[in-house]
Structures are given as C-alpha cells and as structure tokens.
Amino acid sequence: MVRAVKPTIGRIVHFNAPCLDAALLRTYAAIVCAVNGDGSVNLSAVNSDGTWFPCTSVIEGTTEGTWCWPPRT
C-alpha cells in the first residue's frame, strides 16, 4: 500500500515557477510555511540568487505554478 505524504510546515519542496518561455519550467527550492484548509500550501521559495519570495495558495502538481516533492535519489 502506498501512502501519500502530506505537506507540513517546515518541509522542503520544489516550486515550479512560471517562466516567460512556456517550453521551460524553472524549479526552485521552497519551504512550506502554511497548509491551507483546501489542501493548498503557502511557500517561501528561494531563487538561484538567494532571493526569497512568497507563493500563496499553491497546489501540488508538476506544471507551472505548482509545488511537488523533490525526487528521491
């Protein structure tokens, strides 16, 4: 049986940021700051320059504007 992992405050996830080139998907590291009642999360993401930015009401997925778990290596 596979159990789905639920996001909790403090967990590290990936944020799939919107990009000007629709063929590209820019992924940033992010920390879960809040889990909302509808299942979405609020994130604090960091870009490659070290600048943090907020992302609110983000749903899980693999497309632009969503979050996902980092792949296991």
Protein backbone atom coordinates (compact mmCIF):
# COMPACT_ATOMS: atom_id res chain seq x y z
CA MET A 1 0.00 0.00 0.00
CA VAL A 2 1.38 3.41 -0.97
CA ARG A 3 0.70 6.23 1.47
CA ALA A 4 0.59 9.78 0.20
CA VAL A 5 2.94 12.13 2.03
CA LYS A 6 1.16 15.20 3.33
CA PRO A 7 2.82 18.59 3.37
CA THR A 8 3.58 20.01 6.80
CA ILE A 9 5.14 23.25 7.98
CA GLY A 10 8.91 23.24 7.57
CA ARG A 11 9.09 20.59 4.83
CA ILE A 12 11.27 21.25 1.80
CA VAL A 13 9.51 21.04 -1.58
CA HIS A 14 10.07 22.21 -5.15
CA PHE A 15 8.14 25.16 -6.59
CA ASN A 16 7.57 25.06 -10.35
CA ALA A 17 7.77 28.76 -11.12
CA PRO A 18 6.13 30.44 -14.09
CA CYS A 19 8.64 31.21 -16.86
CA LEU A 20 8.49 33.55 -19.84
CA ASP A 21 9.37 30.67 -22.17
CA ALA A 22 6.44 28.26 -21.97
CA ALA A 23 8.69 25.36 -23.03
CA LEU A 24 10.80 25.79 -19.88
CA LEU A 25 9.88 25.08 -16.28
CA ARG A 26 12.00 26.79 -13.65
CA THR A 27 12.13 24.87 -10.36
CA TYR A 28 13.13 26.44 -7.05
CA ALA A 29 13.61 25.06 -3.55
CA ALA A 30 10.86 26.15 -1.16
CA ILE A 31 9.79 25.71 2.45
CA VAL A 32 6.18 25.01 3.41
CA CYS A 33 5.08 27.91 5.64
CA ALA A 34 1.38 27.04 5.99
CA VAL A 35 -1.03 24.30 4.96
CA ASN A 36 -4.42 25.74 3.99
CA GLY A 37 -7.79 24.12 4.64
CA ASP A 38 -8.33 23.47 0.92
CA GLY A 39 -5.09 21.46 0.68
CA SER A 40 -3.04 24.20 -0.94
CA VAL A 41 0.12 25.48 0.75
CA ASN A 42 1.87 28.79 1.27
CA LEU A 43 5.56 28.61 0.41
CA SER A 44 8.67 30.67 0.81
CA ALA A 45 10.77 29.90 -2.27
CA VAL A 46 14.36 30.89 -2.99
CA ASN A 47 15.83 31.56 -6.42
CA SER A 48 19.39 30.90 -7.58
CA ASP A 49 20.47 34.39 -6.43
CA GLY A 50 19.37 33.62 -2.87
CA THR A 51 16.34 35.92 -3.01
CA TRP A 52 13.30 34.61 -1.12
CA PHE A 53 9.79 35.20 -2.44
CA PRO A 54 6.32 34.22 -1.19
CA CYS A 55 4.00 31.86 -3.05
CA THR A 56 0.46 31.61 -1.69
CA SER A 57 -2.30 29.04 -2.21
CA VAL A 58 -0.12 26.75 -4.32
CA ILE A 59 -1.49 23.32 -5.24
CA GLU A 60 0.51 20.13 -5.74
CA GLY A 61 1.37 19.25 -9.33
CA THR A 62 4.05 19.20 -11.99
CA THR A 63 3.01 22.17 -14.10
CA GLU A 64 3.75 25.88 -13.90
CA GLY A 65 2.75 27.50 -10.59
CA THR A 66 2.53 24.25 -8.59
CA TRP A 67 4.68 22.51 -5.98
CA CYS A 68 5.98 18.94 -5.86
CA TRP A 69 8.16 16.73 -3.70
CA PRO A 70 11.86 16.61 -4.65
CA PRO A 71 12.75 13.42 -6.50
CA ARG A 72 14.42 10.68 -4.47
CA THR A 73 17.98 10.00 -5.49
